[in-house]
């Protein structure tokens, strides 16, 4: 691998001198340039795009206060792939969450394939029960012996300064990713050098981020809270969110939450989740503007989305509200790819920079990261007093997505109660009004009622609106939502035993077995495998571990 490390003085010239399409990767440490001047930073990107080969990688380091604007700018000429969240040295907060979040954007050039090397880290074990920290849910036979594949949330590296520099562990991981097997030498540029080998230690920076070059938010509203007609709260409305939101007065809501469709062609009953990028963002900006208008002076707005759209939301909201945190919800949904997508961006904005409702003192601790989340382990260690804590920061890795059908309603993107409970406890007091204008399966209002808050719930789909009403009625009647027991039809063969059968065949053959091998060598028929798994590749998961690591 051939890497150039220009210093700050020569960084721009090194980019200009690079031949067109000559570099496989570029790493830019924006904090070592002039992050207070976004226009100056943008001047480097034209040469970065020109110098990268087709399929080349651009990594851009920065902080979440200014990095979204750079990301949106780059999104016009490159292909956004990941916002890699780097858990870093703790920056104490006042009323917002203490921050450990530094960002590393990854863009690629061109629409073709891009190459990164799969990087693994050793499996970690629970300090109490000594089982793997990750609960494989009966699928331990699929656990790779060399460790887990890293995702776009890097939370197991040393907690160093990635705000004013890029720490050595992070840079080493990046270089592992780009060190792909190729017929030629990989060529890259990393700099400025001052951002790589700067003195260790936490850089001085205010936790209440100031937005360089953006000035004061331009949105203005009355400075006092407004009262809402009692008939307009504690209701579930069905219809177009924008039209309904316009009926509510300025400065009337304590917490506005949104988990909009992600424009991923999900199967909603009514909403069309396939808009072009411009139409989708224009629609989001419309309801975000209404959310900002409705917030009380002491209110908070939380919006959840995929990182690419979260960048755009942040750029829009920076004009209207005060940025508090980009919370990283580490919620791996599907293990796929060489860098697994686990990062969901949860923005926290307020109308006032410091005078807003925050109950951080009541929510500031969570179980230490070296404990697992298995219910049996939690019960036993709490019983014996093994209950170490760590501060709640803007990295949330202790709340899982809903994994099982028994915990899910018929909705493609249902949120776990624990996520909404943390947000509502953090940003509201009993009796406050919580708004969710895309409430879907009704998690937000149901949790709000359980916690003694008032609610405004809106959804365009009548079935979801009715589901939400039923959930709220259950909470009001018995304090919780009772779920029906889902009984699986008895299976003659488990997926685990079928996968282990294929693994044994692989060991005997010295290669991955085919369906023809199964017909001649297995005690199970080929139809059993084809019925149990959606694809032959899924059936071969354990066998691949045998072949590729034997």
Protein backbone atom coordinates (compact mmCIF):
# COMPACT_ATOMS: atom_id res chain seq x y z
CA UNK A 1 0.00 0.00 0.00
CA UNK A 2 1.34 3.42 -0.99
CA UNK A 3 0.11 6.32 1.18
CA UNK A 4 0.97 10.03 1.09
CA UNK A 5 0.64 12.02 4.35
CA UNK A 6 0.76 15.75 3.48
CA UNK A 7 0.80 18.31 6.28
CA UNK A 8 -1.73 21.13 6.65
CA UNK A 9 0.34 23.58 4.61
CA UNK A 10 0.74 21.19 1.68
CA UNK A 11 -2.60 19.34 1.85
CA UNK A 12 -4.42 21.32 -0.82
CA UNK A 13 -1.42 21.27 -3.14
CA UNK A 14 -1.06 17.50 -2.72
CA UNK A 15 -4.66 17.04 -3.82
CA UNK A 16 -4.20 19.34 -6.81
CA UNK A 17 -1.01 17.53 -7.83
CA UNK A 18 -2.65 14.10 -7.72
CA UNK A 19 -3.31 12.80 -11.22
CA UNK A 20 -6.91 12.36 -12.31
CA UNK A 21 -8.34 9.01 -11.13
CA UNK A 22 -5.07 8.01 -9.50
CA UNK A 23 -6.13 7.40 -5.88
CA UNK A 24 -7.98 4.42 -4.42
CA UNK A 25 -8.85 6.24 -1.21
CA UNK A 26 -8.57 9.61 0.52
CA UNK A 27 -8.93 10.29 4.25
CA UNK A 28 -9.61 13.93 5.17
CA UNK A 29 -9.33 15.00 8.82
CA UNK A 30 -11.42 18.17 8.61
CA UNK A 31 -10.67 19.15 12.22
CA UNK A 32 -7.01 19.68 11.23
CA UNK A 33 -8.03 22.13 8.51
CA UNK A 34 -10.47 24.92 9.33
CA UNK A 35 -13.83 23.46 10.40
CA UNK A 36 -15.04 26.93 11.38
CA UNK A 37 -15.05 27.84 7.67
CA UNK A 38 -17.24 25.40 5.78
CA UNK A 39 -16.73 27.16 2.47
CA UNK A 40 -12.98 26.72 2.79
CA UNK A 41 -13.46 23.01 3.49
CA UNK A 42 -15.71 22.62 0.45
CA UNK A 43 -12.90 23.92 -1.75
CA UNK A 44 -11.02 20.63 -1.30
CA UNK A 45 -13.78 18.34 -2.52
CA UNK A 46 -13.51 19.05 -6.24
CA UNK A 47 -9.92 17.80 -6.27
CA UNK A 48 -10.88 14.82 -4.12
CA UNK A 49 -13.57 13.77 -6.60
CA UNK A 50 -11.25 14.28 -9.58
CA UNK A 51 -8.35 12.35 -8.04
CA UNK A 52 -10.37 9.31 -6.95
CA UNK A 53 -10.63 6.30 -9.25
CA UNK A 54 -14.06 4.94 -10.11
CA UNK A 55 -15.10 2.97 -7.04
CA UNK A 56 -12.63 4.96 -4.93
CA UNK A 57 -13.36 5.75 -1.28
CA UNK A 58 -13.50 9.14 0.44
CA UNK A 59 -13.46 9.19 4.27
CA UNK A 60 -14.30 12.51 5.93
CA UNK A 61 -13.72 12.99 9.68
CA UNK A 62 -15.59 15.59 11.70
CA UNK A 63 -18.01 16.41 14.50
CA UNK A 64 -21.79 16.08 14.20
CA UNK A 65 -22.33 19.84 14.57
CA UNK A 66 -20.81 20.69 11.16
CA UNK A 67 -20.32 17.33 9.42
CA UNK A 68 -23.93 17.09 8.09
CA UNK A 69 -23.46 20.19 5.92
CA UNK A 70 -20.30 18.74 4.39
CA UNK A 71 -22.08 15.43 3.89
CA UNK A 72 -25.02 17.03 2.10
CA UNK A 73 -22.61 18.96 -0.12
CA UNK A 74 -20.70 15.77 -1.03
CA UNK A 75 -23.94 13.89 -1.60
CA UNK A 76 -24.37 15.91 -4.80
CA UNK A 77 -21.28 14.50 -6.51
CA UNK A 78 -20.46 11.22 -4.74
CA UNK A 79 -22.45 8.26 -3.45
CA UNK A 80 -23.11 8.26 0.28
CA UNK A 81 -22.47 4.87 1.85
CA UNK A 82 -22.04 5.23 5.62
CA UNK A 83 -21.87 7.66 8.49
CA UNK A 84 -19.45 5.70 10.67
CA UNK A 85 -20.06 6.72 14.28
CA UNK A 86 -16.86 6.74 16.35
CA UNK A 87 -17.34 6.40 20.09
CA UNK A 88 -14.67 8.72 21.45
CA UNK A 89 -13.46 10.43 24.61
CA UNK A 90 -16.29 11.74 26.80
CA UNK A 91 -17.29 15.39 26.51
CA UNK A 92 -19.39 16.32 29.57
CA UNK A 93 -22.69 18.07 28.91
CA UNK A 94 -24.87 20.50 30.79
CA UNK A 95 -28.50 19.66 30.00
CA UNK A 96 -28.07 17.70 26.77
CA UNK A 97 -26.46 14.28 26.70
CA UNK A 98 -22.71 14.00 27.29
CA UNK A 99 -21.22 13.41 23.86
CA UNK A 100 -18.86 10.68 22.69
CA UNK A 101 -19.85 10.98 19.04
CA UNK A 102 -17.35 11.85 16.33
CA UNK A 103 -18.20 11.01 12.71
CA UNK A 104 -16.42 9.50 9.74
CA UNK A 105 -18.35 9.77 6.46
CA UNK A 106 -17.71 7.23 3.73
CA UNK A 107 -18.50 8.16 0.11
CA UNK A 108 -17.69 6.32 -3.10
CA UNK A 109 -17.11 7.62 -6.61
CA UNK A 110 -19.34 6.32 -9.40
CA UNK A 111 -22.30 3.97 -9.36
CA UNK A 112 -20.31 0.78 -9.75
CA UNK A 113 -19.01 -1.57 -7.10
CA UNK A 114 -16.75 -0.35 -4.36
CA UNK A 115 -14.37 -2.53 -2.42
CA UNK A 116 -13.68 -2.63 1.29
CA UNK A 117 -12.14 -5.49 3.18
CA UNK A 118 -14.22 -7.23 5.84
CA UNK A 119 -12.68 -6.40 9.24
CA UNK A 120 -13.31 -8.55 12.30
CA UNK A 121 -12.83 -7.93 15.98
CA UNK A 122 -12.72 -10.60 18.73
CA UNK A 123 -15.97 -11.67 20.34
CA UNK A 124 -16.39 -10.13 23.79
CA UNK A 125 -17.77 -11.92 26.84
CA UNK A 126 -20.05 -10.74 29.63
CA UNK A 127 -18.13 -9.86 32.79
CA UNK A 128 -20.76 -11.62 34.90
CA UNK A 129 -22.10 -14.72 33.11
CA UNK A 130 -19.04 -15.17 30.83
CA UNK A 131 -21.22 -15.77 27.79
CA UNK A 132 -20.66 -13.77 24.60
CA UNK A 133 -21.90 -10.19 24.99
CA UNK A 134 -23.97 -10.64 21.87
CA UNK A 135 -26.86 -13.02 22.41
CA UNK A 136 -27.02 -15.20 19.31
CA UNK A 137 -30.48 -16.47 20.23
CA UNK A 138 -29.81 -20.15 19.59
CA UNK A 139 -27.58 -19.45 16.60
CA UNK A 140 -24.19 -19.79 18.27
CA UNK A 141 -23.27 -22.37 15.62
CA UNK A 142 -23.16 -19.47 13.14
CA UNK A 143 -20.74 -17.40 15.23
CA UNK A 144 -17.51 -16.88 13.31
CA UNK A 145 -14.47 -18.13 15.26
CA UNK A 146 -12.36 -15.14 14.22
CA UNK A 147 -14.77 -12.56 15.64
CA UNK A 148 -17.61 -10.32 14.55
CA UNK A 149 -17.68 -8.16 11.43
CA UNK A 150 -17.52 -4.45 12.29
CA UNK A 151 -20.54 -2.29 11.54
CA UNK A 152 -20.87 1.47 10.98
CA UNK A 153 -20.86 1.99 14.77
CA UNK A 154 -17.33 1.70 16.15
CA UNK A 155 -17.86 1.38 19.89
CA UNK A 156 -15.18 -1.13 20.92
CA UNK A 157 -12.05 0.90 20.18
CA UNK A 158 -10.15 2.86 22.86
CA UNK A 159 -12.09 6.03 23.77
CA UNK A 160 -9.68 8.59 22.37
CA UNK A 161 -9.94 12.04 20.81
CA UNK A 162 -11.53 11.81 17.36
CA UNK A 163 -12.88 15.37 17.46
CA UNK A 164 -9.74 17.39 16.67
CA UNK A 165 -7.84 14.48 15.16
CA UNK A 166 -8.26 10.90 13.99
CA UNK A 167 -6.95 8.49 16.61
CA UNK A 168 -4.49 5.77 15.69
CA UNK A 169 -6.96 2.88 16.33
CA UNK A 170 -9.51 4.46 14.01
CA UNK A 171 -6.96 5.13 11.25
CA UNK A 172 -5.60 1.60 11.57
CA UNK A 173 -9.12 0.23 11.11
CA UNK A 174 -9.66 2.40 8.03
CA UNK A 175 -6.40 1.17 6.52
CA UNK A 176 -7.43 -2.43 7.20
CA UNK A 177 -10.67 -1.78 5.30
CA UNK A 178 -8.95 -0.36 2.21
CA UNK A 179 -6.15 -2.93 2.12
CA UNK A 180 -7.98 -5.05 -0.45
CA UNK A 181 -6.40 -7.79 -2.50
CA UNK A 182 -5.81 -6.31 -5.94
CA UNK A 183 -3.55 -6.98 -8.91
CA UNK A 184 -1.91 -3.59 -8.32
CA UNK A 185 -0.76 -1.58 -5.34
CA UNK A 186 -3.44 0.38 -3.45
CA UNK A 187 -2.68 4.13 -3.50
CA UNK A 188 -4.11 6.61 -1.00
CA UNK A 189 -3.75 10.03 0.62
CA UNK A 190 -4.30 10.74 4.33
CA UNK A 191 -4.16 14.17 5.89
CA UNK A 192 -3.49 16.69 7.08
CA UNK A 193 -0.73 15.00 9.01
CA UNK A 194 -1.37 17.22 12.04
CA UNK A 195 -4.76 15.53 12.43
CA UNK A 196 -3.18 12.08 12.64
CA UNK A 197 -0.23 12.54 14.94
CA UNK A 198 -1.51 15.44 17.04
CA UNK A 199 -1.00 15.29 20.79
CA UNK A 200 -3.35 12.88 22.54
CA UNK A 201 -6.04 14.19 24.84
CA UNK A 202 -9.49 15.65 24.58
CA UNK A 203 -9.71 18.80 22.51
CA UNK A 204 -11.44 21.77 24.06
CA UNK A 205 -14.85 22.20 22.50
CA UNK A 206 -18.22 23.26 23.87
CA UNK A 207 -20.73 20.48 24.30
CA UNK A 208 -23.44 22.86 23.10
CA UNK A 209 -22.13 22.87 19.56
CA UNK A 210 -21.95 26.18 17.73
CA UNK A 211 -22.68 25.93 14.04
CA UNK A 212 -19.82 27.57 12.13
CA UNK A 213 -20.89 29.91 9.38
CA UNK A 214 -24.59 29.35 9.95
CA UNK A 215 -25.32 32.13 12.43
CA UNK A 216 -28.43 32.25 14.58
CA UNK A 217 -31.47 30.16 13.64
CA UNK A 218 -33.78 32.22 11.46
CA UNK A 219 -37.03 30.71 12.79
CA UNK A 220 -38.89 33.05 15.10
CA UNK A 221 -42.03 32.55 17.14
CA UNK A 222 -43.76 33.93 20.18
CA UNK A 223 -41.76 33.54 23.38
CA UNK A 224 -44.57 32.12 25.53
CA UNK A 225 -46.30 28.75 25.40
CA UNK A 226 -49.80 28.51 23.94
CA UNK A 227 -52.71 26.53 25.33
CA UNK A 228 -54.40 23.91 23.18
CA UNK A 229 -58.12 23.32 23.19
CA UNK A 230 -58.69 20.21 25.37
CA UNK A 231 -60.50 18.55 22.46
CA UNK A 232 -57.26 18.67 20.43
CA UNK A 233 -55.12 16.64 22.85
CA UNK A 234 -55.28 13.00 23.92
CA UNK A 235 -56.64 12.17 20.48
CA UNK A 236 -55.66 9.85 17.62
CA UNK A 237 -56.32 11.52 14.28
CA UNK A 238 -56.30 9.86 10.88
CA UNK A 239 -55.34 11.91 7.85
CA UNK A 240 -52.60 13.93 6.19
CA UNK A 241 -50.12 14.97 8.89
CA UNK A 242 -49.36 18.36 7.34
CA UNK A 243 -52.99 19.37 7.16
CA UNK A 244 -53.70 18.26 10.72
CA UNK A 245 -50.56 19.89 12.17
CA UNK A 246 -51.56 23.25 10.71
CA UNK A 247 -54.65 23.27 12.97
CA UNK A 248 -52.51 23.41 16.12
CA UNK A 249 -51.23 26.70 17.57
CA UNK A 250 -47.61 27.84 17.77
CA UNK A 251 -45.60 26.93 20.88
CA UNK A 252 -48.03 24.30 22.12
CA UNK A 253 -46.16 20.96 22.26
CA UNK A 254 -43.50 19.84 24.75
CA UNK A 255 -42.04 16.99 22.71
CA UNK A 256 -42.36 16.38 18.97
CA UNK A 257 -41.11 12.98 17.79
CA UNK A 258 -40.91 11.61 14.25
CA UNK A 259 -39.86 8.27 12.82
CA UNK A 260 -40.80 8.87 9.17
CA UNK A 261 -40.72 6.28 6.38
CA UNK A 262 -37.11 5.91 5.20
CA UNK A 263 -37.85 5.93 1.46
CA UNK A 264 -36.76 2.29 1.20
CA UNK A 265 -39.81 0.87 -0.60
CA UNK A 266 -41.22 -0.59 2.62
CA UNK A 267 -44.66 -2.15 2.37
CA UNK A 268 -46.93 0.41 4.04
CA UNK A 269 -50.68 0.08 3.56
CA UNK A 270 -51.29 3.64 2.32
CA UNK A 271 -48.03 5.63 2.12
CA UNK A 272 -45.93 5.28 -1.06
CA UNK A 273 -42.36 4.74 0.19
CA UNK A 274 -40.67 5.22 -3.21
CA UNK A 275 -40.29 8.97 -3.77
CA UNK A 276 -37.28 10.45 -5.55
CA UNK A 277 -34.74 12.06 -3.23
CA UNK A 278 -35.83 15.65 -3.86
CA UNK A 279 -39.53 14.94 -3.31
CA UNK A 280 -38.84 12.95 -0.14
CA UNK A 281 -36.68 15.67 1.40
CA UNK A 282 -39.13 18.41 0.41
CA UNK A 283 -41.91 16.48 2.16
CA UNK A 284 -39.74 15.99 5.26
CA UNK A 285 -38.88 19.69 5.40
CA UNK A 286 -42.58 20.58 5.36
CA UNK A 287 -43.46 18.61 8.46
CA UNK A 288 -40.17 19.47 10.18
CA UNK A 289 -41.07 23.15 9.78
CA UNK A 290 -44.47 22.47 11.38
CA UNK A 291 -42.79 20.57 14.21
CA UNK A 292 -40.48 23.54 14.87
CA UNK A 293 -43.44 25.92 14.88
CA UNK A 294 -45.41 23.81 17.35
CA UNK A 295 -42.63 23.39 19.92
CA UNK A 296 -42.96 25.29 23.17
CA UNK A 297 -40.00 27.55 24.05
CA UNK A 298 -38.83 24.81 26.44
CA UNK A 299 -39.69 21.97 24.05
CA UNK A 300 -37.63 19.32 22.25
CA UNK A 301 -37.76 17.73 18.83
CA UNK A 302 -36.45 14.23 18.18
CA UNK A 303 -36.33 12.77 14.67
CA UNK A 304 -35.09 9.29 13.75
CA UNK A 305 -33.88 8.27 10.30
CA UNK A 306 -31.11 6.59 8.34
CA UNK A 307 -27.87 8.61 8.49
CA UNK A 308 -28.06 9.86 4.89
CA UNK A 309 -31.46 11.48 5.49
CA UNK A 310 -30.47 12.50 9.03
CA UNK A 311 -27.71 14.67 7.52
CA UNK A 312 -30.28 16.50 5.42
CA UNK A 313 -32.65 16.88 8.38
CA UNK A 314 -29.82 18.38 10.45
CA UNK A 315 -28.94 20.94 7.77
CA UNK A 316 -32.59 22.03 7.58
CA UNK A 317 -33.13 22.11 11.35
CA UNK A 318 -29.95 24.11 11.91
CA UNK A 319 -31.79 27.04 10.32
CA UNK A 320 -34.72 26.73 12.74
CA UNK A 321 -33.70 25.22 16.07
CA UNK A 322 -30.77 24.55 18.39
CA UNK A 323 -28.74 21.39 17.92
CA UNK A 324 -28.19 19.37 21.10
CA UNK A 325 -27.10 15.85 20.04
CA UNK A 326 -26.84 13.46 17.15
CA UNK A 327 -27.66 10.30 19.09
CA UNK A 328 -26.32 7.07 17.61
CA UNK A 329 -28.82 4.25 18.03
CA UNK A 330 -26.74 1.12 17.51
CA UNK A 331 -29.46 -1.21 16.24
CA UNK A 332 -28.11 -3.84 13.86
CA UNK A 333 -31.14 -5.09 11.95
CA UNK A 334 -29.70 -7.50 9.39
CA UNK A 335 -26.12 -8.84 9.21
CA UNK A 336 -25.11 -8.14 5.63
CA UNK A 337 -22.25 -6.60 3.70
CA UNK A 338 -18.62 -6.06 4.59
CA UNK A 339 -19.54 -3.11 6.85
CA UNK A 340 -22.82 -3.97 8.51
CA UNK A 341 -25.41 -1.17 8.76
CA UNK A 342 -26.31 -0.64 12.42
CA UNK A 343 -26.41 3.16 12.76
CA UNK A 344 -29.75 4.96 13.04
CA UNK A 345 -29.44 8.72 13.56
CA UNK A 346 -31.61 10.27 16.29
CA UNK A 347 -31.42 14.07 16.28
CA UNK A 348 -32.24 16.13 19.37
CA UNK A 349 -33.07 19.79 18.76
CA UNK A 350 -34.56 22.45 21.04
CA UNK A 351 -35.97 25.95 20.59
CA UNK A 352 -33.75 27.47 23.26
CA UNK A 353 -30.03 26.67 23.54
CA UNK A 354 -30.08 25.94 27.29
CA UNK A 355 -33.54 26.67 28.73
CA UNK A 356 -35.33 23.45 27.80
CA UNK A 357 -36.77 20.48 29.65
CA UNK A 358 -34.12 17.89 30.41
CA UNK A 359 -34.33 15.13 33.00
CA UNK A 360 -30.84 13.83 32.41
CA UNK A 361 -30.21 13.45 36.14
CA UNK A 362 -33.05 10.91 36.26
CA UNK A 363 -31.87 8.94 33.21
CA UNK A 364 -28.11 9.45 33.33
CA UNK A 365 -27.04 5.89 34.17
CA UNK A 366 -27.25 2.62 32.32
CA UNK A 367 -25.78 -0.82 32.95
CA UNK A 368 -22.06 -1.05 32.20
CA UNK A 369 -21.21 -2.14 28.68
CA UNK A 370 -19.32 -5.22 29.85
CA UNK A 371 -22.60 -6.85 30.95
CA UNK A 372 -24.83 -8.68 28.48
CA UNK A 373 -28.57 -8.02 28.05
CA UNK A 374 -29.85 -11.57 28.65
CA UNK A 375 -32.79 -11.37 31.07
CA UNK A 376 -31.49 -14.29 33.14
CA UNK A 377 -28.09 -12.65 33.53
CA UNK A 378 -29.65 -9.30 34.46
CA UNK A 379 -31.85 -10.89 37.15
CA UNK A 380 -29.00 -12.86 38.70
CA UNK A 381 -26.39 -10.10 38.76
CA UNK A 382 -28.91 -7.61 40.18
CA UNK A 383 -29.78 -10.18 42.85
CA UNK A 384 -26.15 -10.52 43.95
CA UNK A 385 -25.42 -6.78 43.64
CA UNK A 386 -23.22 -6.88 40.52
CA UNK A 387 -24.69 -3.69 39.14
CA UNK A 388 -21.94 -1.45 37.75
CA UNK A 389 -23.15 1.61 35.84
CA UNK A 390 -21.82 3.98 33.19
CA UNK A 391 -23.14 7.37 32.03
CA UNK A 392 -25.83 7.61 29.38
CA UNK A 393 -24.24 9.36 26.39
CA UNK A 394 -25.27 9.95 22.77
CA UNK A 395 -24.35 6.32 21.92
CA UNK A 396 -27.34 4.07 22.63
CA UNK A 397 -26.32 0.43 22.27
CA UNK A 398 -28.48 -1.09 25.02
CA UNK A 399 -31.84 -0.92 23.20
CA UNK A 400 -32.42 -3.55 20.53
CA UNK A 401 -34.74 -3.43 17.56
CA UNK A 402 -37.80 -5.66 17.83
CA UNK A 403 -36.57 -9.05 16.68
CA UNK A 404 -39.47 -11.44 17.24
CA UNK A 405 -42.93 -11.57 15.71
CA UNK A 406 -44.41 -12.14 19.15
CA UNK A 407 -43.38 -8.57 20.10
CA UNK A 408 -44.41 -6.91 16.84
CA UNK A 409 -47.60 -5.59 15.33
CA UNK A 410 -48.24 -5.77 11.61
CA UNK A 411 -46.04 -2.76 10.81
CA UNK A 412 -42.76 -2.73 8.82
CA UNK A 413 -40.84 -0.35 11.12
CA UNK A 414 -42.18 -0.66 14.66
CA UNK A 415 -40.05 0.92 17.39
CA UNK A 416 -39.32 -0.74 20.75
CA UNK A 417 -41.08 0.70 23.80
CA UNK A 418 -37.72 1.14 25.55
CA UNK A 419 -36.54 3.67 22.95
CA UNK A 420 -39.60 5.86 23.32
CA UNK A 421 -39.59 5.53 27.10
CA UNK A 422 -36.03 6.88 27.27
CA UNK A 423 -36.81 9.83 24.98
CA UNK A 424 -40.04 10.75 26.79
CA UNK A 425 -38.48 10.48 30.26
CA UNK A 426 -35.47 12.51 29.13
CA UNK A 427 -37.31 15.45 27.51
CA UNK A 428 -40.70 15.75 29.25
CA UNK A 429 -42.38 15.92 32.66
CA UNK A 430 -45.66 14.27 33.72
CA UNK A 431 -48.60 16.07 32.12
CA UNK A 432 -46.55 17.36 29.15
CA UNK A 433 -47.83 16.97 25.60
CA UNK A 434 -46.10 14.48 23.28
CA UNK A 435 -46.69 14.69 19.51
CA UNK A 436 -46.10 11.95 16.95
CA UNK A 437 -47.54 12.79 13.53
CA UNK A 438 -46.48 9.46 11.96
CA UNK A 439 -47.34 7.24 14.89
CA UNK A 440 -47.65 3.97 12.94
CA UNK A 441 -48.20 1.13 15.40
CA UNK A 442 -48.80 3.63 18.23
CA UNK A 443 -45.69 3.06 20.35
CA UNK A 444 -45.18 6.77 21.13
CA UNK A 445 -48.68 7.62 22.47
CA UNK A 446 -49.02 4.28 24.28
CA UNK A 447 -45.74 4.84 26.16
CA UNK A 448 -46.67 8.49 26.78
CA UNK A 449 -49.93 7.45 28.45
CA UNK A 450 -48.15 4.82 30.55
CA UNK A 451 -45.71 7.51 31.77
CA UNK A 452 -48.45 10.01 32.62
CA UNK A 453 -47.99 12.32 29.63
CA UNK A 454 -50.63 13.65 27.24
CA UNK A 455 -50.45 12.90 23.54
CA UNK A 456 -51.33 13.91 20.00
CA UNK A 457 -51.14 10.97 17.59
CA UNK A 458 -51.59 11.17 13.81
CA UNK A 459 -51.34 8.60 11.06
CA UNK A 460 -52.50 8.54 7.45
CA UNK A 461 -53.55 4.87 7.65
CA UNK A 462 -56.91 4.08 9.29
CA UNK A 463 -55.75 0.62 10.36
CA UNK A 464 -52.77 2.02 12.24
CA UNK A 465 -54.92 4.76 13.79
CA UNK A 466 -57.37 2.15 15.05
CA UNK A 467 -54.53 -0.05 16.34
CA UNK A 468 -53.16 2.97 18.23
CA UNK A 469 -56.55 3.67 19.84
CA UNK A 470 -56.80 0.05 21.01
CA UNK A 471 -53.31 0.15 22.53
CA UNK A 472 -54.01 3.39 24.38
CA UNK A 473 -57.27 1.96 25.73
CA UNK A 474 -55.40 -1.11 27.02
CA UNK A 475 -52.78 1.05 28.76
CA UNK A 476 -55.48 3.22 30.33
CA UNK A 477 -57.38 0.13 31.48
CA UNK A 478 -54.59 -2.15 32.71
CA UNK A 479 -51.33 -0.18 32.50
CA UNK A 480 -49.75 -2.13 29.63
CA UNK A 481 -50.40 -3.66 26.22
CA UNK A 482 -51.02 -7.38 26.38
CA UNK A 483 -49.71 -9.29 23.39
CA UNK A 484 -51.22 -12.47 22.09
CA UNK A 485 -49.10 -15.58 22.35
CA UNK A 486 -47.76 -16.59 18.95
CA UNK A 487 -47.42 -20.32 18.68
CA UNK A 488 -45.19 -21.67 15.95
CA UNK A 489 -46.29 -24.71 14.06
CA UNK A 490 -44.22 -27.71 15.18
CA UNK A 491 -41.27 -28.35 12.89
CA UNK A 492 -39.98 -31.82 12.19
CA UNK A 493 -36.43 -30.49 11.74
CA UNK A 494 -34.88 -27.32 13.18
CA UNK A 495 -32.87 -24.94 11.03
CA UNK A 496 -29.92 -25.46 13.35
CA UNK A 497 -29.74 -29.21 12.79
CA UNK A 498 -30.10 -28.74 9.03
CA UNK A 499 -27.29 -26.17 8.96
CA UNK A 500 -25.06 -28.43 11.05
CA UNK A 501 -25.79 -31.28 8.64
CA UNK A 502 -24.51 -29.15 5.76
CA UNK A 503 -21.49 -28.20 7.85
CA UNK A 504 -20.65 -31.85 8.38
CA UNK A 505 -21.02 -32.48 4.65
CA UNK A 506 -18.66 -29.58 3.95
CA UNK A 507 -16.06 -31.09 6.29
CA UNK A 508 -16.28 -34.43 4.46
CA UNK A 509 -16.18 -32.88 0.97
CA UNK A 510 -13.65 -30.12 1.60
CA UNK A 511 -15.97 -27.68 -0.18
CA UNK A 512 -19.50 -26.30 0.06
CA UNK A 513 -22.06 -29.02 -0.63
CA UNK A 514 -24.54 -28.72 -3.48
CA UNK A 515 -28.14 -29.91 -3.62
CA UNK A 516 -26.87 -32.89 -5.62
CA UNK A 517 -24.50 -33.73 -2.74
CA UNK A 518 -27.44 -33.56 -0.36
CA UNK A 519 -29.44 -35.99 -2.48
CA UNK A 520 -26.62 -38.55 -2.38
CA UNK A 521 -25.05 -38.03 1.06
CA UNK A 522 -27.54 -36.50 3.49
CA UNK A 523 -30.09 -38.19 5.70
CA UNK A 524 -32.44 -35.29 4.87
CA UNK A 525 -34.06 -34.78 1.49
CA UNK A 526 -33.20 -31.70 -0.57
CA UNK A 527 -36.86 -30.59 -0.30
CA UNK A 528 -36.45 -30.24 3.47
CA UNK A 529 -33.68 -27.66 3.01
CA UNK A 530 -35.51 -25.78 0.26
CA UNK A 531 -38.61 -25.55 2.44
CA UNK A 532 -36.82 -24.48 5.62
CA UNK A 533 -34.66 -21.70 4.12
CA UNK A 534 -35.49 -18.79 1.79
CA UNK A 535 -32.30 -19.47 -0.21
CA UNK A 536 -29.55 -22.05 -0.51
CA UNK A 537 -27.06 -19.43 0.68
CA UNK A 538 -28.92 -19.10 4.02
CA UNK A 539 -28.82 -22.85 4.46
CA UNK A 540 -25.04 -22.88 3.88
CA UNK A 541 -24.17 -20.30 6.58
CA UNK A 542 -22.62 -22.79 8.99
CA UNK A 543 -20.96 -24.73 6.16
CA UNK A 544 -19.21 -21.57 5.00
CA UNK A 545 -17.62 -21.23 8.45
CA UNK A 546 -16.24 -24.76 8.05
CA UNK A 547 -14.76 -24.16 4.60
CA UNK A 548 -13.44 -20.63 4.93
CA UNK A 549 -11.95 -21.16 8.40
CA UNK A 550 -11.11 -24.84 8.41
